[in-house]
Amino acid sequence: MTIFVMLAPMSVFLGLLGVGAFWWTLSHGQYDDPEGDAARILVEDPDDCPL
């Protein structure tokens, strides 16, 4: 029972930390242009290639 008293608050804290990280990415525009990111992978840019 003692381990439950320790693990329950820790799991709630980790869950809230994950939700907070997701909220932070939403508020900082990480998901604004998923189509542009997908198309950018397909473009061959000679400046991006290593020598």
PDB file of N, CA and C in Angstrom:
ATOM      1  N   MET A   1       0.817  -1.195   0.000  1.00  0.00           N
ATOM      2  CA  MET A   1       0.000   0.000   0.000  1.00  0.00           C
ATOM      3  C   MET A   1       0.862   1.260   0.000  1.00  0.00           C
ATOM      4  N   THR A   2       2.032   1.185   0.633  1.00  0.00           N
ATOM      5  CA  THR A   2       2.909   2.351   0.679  1.00  0.00           C
ATOM      6  C   THR A   2       3.394   2.739  -0.711  1.00  0.00           C
ATOM      7  N   ILE A   3       3.670   1.734  -1.566  1.00  0.00           N
ATOM      8  CA  ILE A   3       4.145   2.037  -2.911  1.00  0.00           C
ATOM      9  C   ILE A   3       3.053   2.735  -3.728  1.00  0.00           C
ATOM     10  N   PHE A   4       1.792   2.388  -3.481  1.00  0.00           N
ATOM     11  CA  PHE A   4       0.691   3.050  -4.170  1.00  0.00           C
ATOM     12  C   PHE A   4       0.617   4.522  -3.794  1.00  0.00           C
ATOM     13  N   VAL A   5       0.880   4.824  -2.549  1.00  0.00           N
ATOM     14  CA  VAL A   5       0.853   6.214  -2.079  1.00  0.00           C
ATOM     15  C   VAL A   5       1.957   7.019  -2.757  1.00  0.00           C
ATOM     16  N   MET A   6       3.047   6.363  -3.101  1.00  0.00           N
ATOM     17  CA  MET A   6       4.136   7.068  -3.794  1.00  0.00           C
ATOM     18  C   MET A   6       3.902   7.146  -5.300  1.00  0.00           C
ATOM     19  N   LEU A   7       3.440   6.052  -5.908  1.00  0.00           N
ATOM     20  CA  LEU A   7       3.323   5.995  -7.366  1.00  0.00           C
ATOM     21  C   LEU A   7       2.123   6.759  -7.913  1.00  0.00           C
ATOM     22  N   ALA A   8       1.047   6.822  -7.189  1.00  0.00           N
ATOM     23  CA  ALA A   8      -0.144   7.530  -7.681  1.00  0.00           C
ATOM     24  C   ALA A   8       0.133   9.022  -7.904  1.00  0.00           C
ATOM     25  N   PRO A   9       0.697   9.756  -6.950  1.00  0.00           N
ATOM     26  CA  PRO A   9       0.987  11.169  -7.222  1.00  0.00           C
ATOM     27  C   PRO A   9       2.057  11.357  -8.311  1.00  0.00           C
ATOM     28  N   MET A  10       3.006  10.433  -8.368  1.00  0.00           N
ATOM     29  CA  MET A  10       4.038  10.552  -9.407  1.00  0.00           C
ATOM     30  C   MET A  10       3.442  10.351 -10.791  1.00  0.00           C
ATOM     31  N   SER A  11       2.503   9.413 -10.936  1.00  0.00           N
ATOM     32  CA  SER A  11       1.888   9.193 -12.241  1.00  0.00           C
ATOM     33  C   SER A  11       0.992  10.372 -12.633  1.00  0.00           C
ATOM     34  N   VAL A  12       0.304  10.940 -11.666  1.00  0.00           N
ATOM     35  CA  VAL A  12      -0.512  12.131 -11.953  1.00  0.00           C
ATOM     36  C   VAL A  12       0.389  13.284 -12.371  1.00  0.00           C
ATOM     37  N   PHE A  13       1.511  13.459 -11.704  1.00  0.00           N
ATOM     38  CA  PHE A  13       2.460  14.521 -12.050  1.00  0.00           C
ATOM     39  C   PHE A  13       3.010  14.318 -13.463  1.00  0.00           C
ATOM     40  N   LEU A  14       3.387  13.083 -13.813  1.00  0.00           N
ATOM     41  CA  LEU A  14       3.913  12.826 -15.154  1.00  0.00           C
ATOM     42  C   LEU A  14       2.842  13.052 -16.223  1.00  0.00           C
ATOM     43  N   GLY A  15       1.605  12.679 -15.921  1.00  0.00           N
ATOM     44  CA  GLY A  15       0.523  12.940 -16.866  1.00  0.00           C
ATOM     45  C   GLY A  15       0.296  14.424 -17.079  1.00  0.00           C
ATOM     46  N   LEU A  16       0.296  15.183 -15.999  1.00  0.00           N
ATOM     47  CA  LEU A  16       0.139  16.640 -16.116  1.00  0.00           C
ATOM     48  C   LEU A  16       1.327  17.280 -16.832  1.00  0.00           C
ATOM     49  N   LEU A  17       2.506  16.729 -16.622  1.00  0.00           N
ATOM     50  CA  LEU A  17       3.695  17.227 -17.329  1.00  0.00           C
ATOM     51  C   LEU A  17       3.564  16.999 -18.833  1.00  0.00           C
ATOM     52  N   GLY A  18       3.053  15.839 -19.224  1.00  0.00           N
ATOM     53  CA  GLY A  18       2.829  15.556 -20.641  1.00  0.00           C
ATOM     54  C   GLY A  18       1.784  16.463 -21.254  1.00  0.00           C
ATOM     55  N   VAL A  19       0.696  16.683 -20.535  1.00  0.00           N
ATOM     56  CA  VAL A  19      -0.350  17.597 -21.026  1.00  0.00           C
ATOM     57  C   VAL A  19       0.198  19.017 -21.124  1.00  0.00           C
ATOM     58  N   GLY A  20       1.000  19.417 -20.157  1.00  0.00           N
ATOM     59  CA  GLY A  20       1.609  20.753 -20.203  1.00  0.00           C
ATOM     60  C   GLY A  20       2.564  20.906 -21.371  1.00  0.00           C
ATOM     61  N   ALA A  21       3.342  19.871 -21.662  1.00  0.00           N
ATOM     62  CA  ALA A  21       4.251  19.933 -22.811  1.00  0.00           C
ATOM     63  C   ALA A  21       3.473  20.012 -24.116  1.00  0.00           C
ATOM     64  N   PHE A  22       2.383  19.259 -24.212  1.00  0.00           N
ATOM     65  CA  PHE A  22       1.547  19.323 -25.407  1.00  0.00           C
ATOM     66  C   PHE A  22       0.912  20.698 -25.559  1.00  0.00           C
ATOM     67  N   TRP A  23       0.430  21.260 -24.471  1.00  0.00           N
ATOM     68  CA  TRP A  23      -0.168  22.598 -24.509  1.00  0.00           C
ATOM     69  C   TRP A  23       0.871  23.641 -24.927  1.00  0.00           C
ATOM     70  N   TRP A  24       2.101  23.487 -24.450  1.00  0.00           N
ATOM     71  CA  TRP A  24       3.163  24.421 -24.811  1.00  0.00           C
ATOM     72  C   TRP A  24       3.441  24.358 -26.316  1.00  0.00           C
ATOM     73  N   THR A  25       3.480  23.138 -26.886  1.00  0.00           N
ATOM     74  CA  THR A  25       3.726  23.034 -28.327  1.00  0.00           C
ATOM     75  C   THR A  25       2.577  23.633 -29.126  1.00  0.00           C
ATOM     76  N   LEU A  26       1.352  23.478 -28.641  1.00  0.00           N
ATOM     77  CA  LEU A  26       0.223  24.093 -29.336  1.00  0.00           C
ATOM     78  C   LEU A  26       0.314  25.614 -29.315  1.00  0.00           C
ATOM     79  N   SER A  27       0.677  26.168 -28.168  1.00  0.00           N
ATOM     80  CA  SER A  27       0.698  27.626 -28.055  1.00  0.00           C
ATOM     81  C   SER A  27       1.894  28.247 -28.774  1.00  0.00           C
ATOM     82  N   HIS A  28       2.927  27.472 -29.072  1.00  0.00           N
ATOM     83  CA  HIS A  28       4.098  27.996 -29.777  1.00  0.00           C
ATOM     84  C   HIS A  28       4.110  27.636 -31.261  1.00  0.00           C
ATOM     85  N   GLY A  29       2.987  27.156 -31.792  1.00  0.00           N
ATOM     86  CA  GLY A  29       2.839  26.977 -33.238  1.00  0.00           C
ATOM     87  C   GLY A  29       3.603  25.811 -33.829  1.00  0.00           C
ATOM     88  N   GLN A  30       3.796  24.744 -33.090  1.00  0.00           N
ATOM     89  CA  GLN A  30       4.535  23.606 -33.612  1.00  0.00           C
ATOM     90  C   GLN A  30       3.743  22.845 -34.673  1.00  0.00           C
ATOM     91  N   TYR A  31       2.433  22.968 -34.690  1.00  0.00           N
ATOM     92  CA  TYR A  31       1.599  22.199 -35.594  1.00  0.00           C
ATOM     93  C   TYR A  31       0.899  23.084 -36.624  1.00  0.00           C
ATOM     94  N   ASP A  32       1.443  24.242 -36.913  1.00  0.00           N
ATOM     95  CA  ASP A  32       0.769  25.189 -37.795  1.00  0.00           C
ATOM     96  C   ASP A  32       0.799  24.783 -39.264  1.00  0.00           C
ATOM     97  N   ASP A  33       1.880  24.130 -39.734  1.00  0.00           N
ATOM     98  CA  ASP A  33       2.021  23.855 -41.160  1.00  0.00           C
ATOM     99  C   ASP A  33       2.488  22.425 -41.405  1.00  0.00           C
ATOM    100  N   PRO A  34       1.658  21.420 -41.109  1.00  0.00           N
ATOM    101  CA  PRO A  34       2.112  20.048 -41.336  1.00  0.00           C
ATOM    102  C   PRO A  34       2.237  19.699 -42.823  1.00  0.00           C
ATOM    103  N   GLU A  35       1.426  20.310 -43.690  1.00  0.00           N
ATOM    104  CA  GLU A  35       1.527  20.017 -45.123  1.00  0.00           C
ATOM    105  C   GLU A  35       2.841  20.556 -45.688  1.00  0.00           C
ATOM    106  N   GLY A  36       3.260  21.728 -45.243  1.00  0.00           N
ATOM    107  CA  GLY A  36       4.518  22.304 -45.726  1.00  0.00           C
ATOM    108  C   GLY A  36       5.716  21.491 -45.281  1.00  0.00           C
ATOM    109  N   ASP A  37       5.672  20.969 -44.060  1.00  0.00           N
ATOM    110  CA  ASP A  37       6.776  20.135 -43.589  1.00  0.00           C
ATOM    111  C   ASP A  37       6.857  18.846 -44.385  1.00  0.00           C
ATOM    112  N   ALA A  38       5.715  18.260 -44.716  1.00  0.00           N
ATOM    113  CA  ALA A  38       5.709  17.021 -45.483  1.00  0.00           C
ATOM    114  C   ALA A  38       6.226  17.256 -46.898  1.00  0.00           C
ATOM    115  N   ALA A  39       5.884  18.368 -47.499  1.00  0.00           N
ATOM    116  CA  ALA A  39       6.349  18.647 -48.852  1.00  0.00           C
ATOM    117  C   ALA A  39       7.817  19.035 -48.875  1.00  0.00           C
ATOM    118  N   ARG A  40       8.310  19.622 -47.820  1.00  0.00           N
ATOM    119  CA  ARG A  40       9.699  20.059 -47.769  1.00  0.00           C
ATOM    120  C   ARG A  40      10.669  18.880 -47.782  1.00  0.00           C
ATOM    121  N   ILE A  41      10.223  17.714 -47.299  1.00  0.00           N
ATOM    122  CA  ILE A  41      11.074  16.531 -47.303  1.00  0.00           C
ATOM    123  C   ILE A  41      11.361  16.086 -48.731  1.00  0.00           C
ATOM    124  N   LEU A  42      10.398  16.272 -49.628  1.00  0.00           N
ATOM    125  CA  LEU A  42      10.519  15.773 -50.995  1.00  0.00           C
ATOM    126  C   LEU A  42      11.335  16.676 -51.904  1.00  0.00           C
ATOM    127  N   VAL A  43      11.592  17.899 -51.513  1.00  0.00           N
ATOM    128  CA  VAL A  43      12.306  18.857 -52.348  1.00  0.00           C
ATOM    129  C   VAL A  43      13.809  18.597 -52.235  1.00  0.00           C
ATOM    130  N   GLU A  44      14.453  18.429 -53.383  1.00  0.00           N
ATOM    131  CA  GLU A  44      15.899  18.260 -53.371  1.00  0.00           C
ATOM    132  C   GLU A  44      16.558  19.633 -53.429  1.00  0.00           C
ATOM    133  N   ASP A  45      17.261  19.967 -52.417  1.00  0.00           N
ATOM    134  CA  ASP A  45      17.973  21.235 -52.353  1.00  0.00           C
ATOM    135  C   ASP A  45      19.461  20.942 -52.300  1.00  0.00           C
ATOM    136  N   PRO A  46      20.212  21.338 -53.303  1.00  0.00           N
ATOM    137  CA  PRO A  46      21.648  21.007 -53.305  1.00  0.00           C
ATOM    138  C   PRO A  46      22.419  21.653 -52.154  1.00  0.00           C
ATOM    139  N   ASP A  47      21.874  22.700 -51.555  1.00  0.00           N
ATOM    140  CA  ASP A  47      22.555  23.337 -50.428  1.00  0.00           C
ATOM    141  C   ASP A  47      22.477  22.489 -49.171  1.00  0.00           C
ATOM    142  N   ASP A  48      21.483  21.606 -49.091  1.00  0.00           N
ATOM    143  CA  ASP A  48      21.314  20.767 -47.922  1.00  0.00           C
ATOM    144  C   ASP A  48      22.157  19.496 -47.963  1.00  0.00           C
ATOM    145  N   CYS A  49      22.695  19.144 -49.126  1.00  0.00           N
ATOM    146  CA  CYS A  49      23.450  17.894 -49.259  1.00  0.00           C
ATOM    147  C   CYS A  49      24.854  18.063 -48.694  1.00  0.00           C
ATOM    148  N   PRO A  50      25.331  17.035 -47.980  1.00  0.00           N
ATOM    149  CA  PRO A  50      26.727  17.105 -47.500  1.00  0.00           C
ATOM    150  C   PRO A  50      27.695  16.957 -48.659  1.00  0.00           C
ATOM    151  N   LEU A  51      28.876  17.453 -48.503  1.00  0.00           N
ATOM    152  CA  LEU A  51      29.882  17.388 -49.567  1.00  0.00           C
ATOM    153  C   LEU A  51      30.455  16.025 -49.736  1.00  0.00           C
TER     154      LEU A  51
END
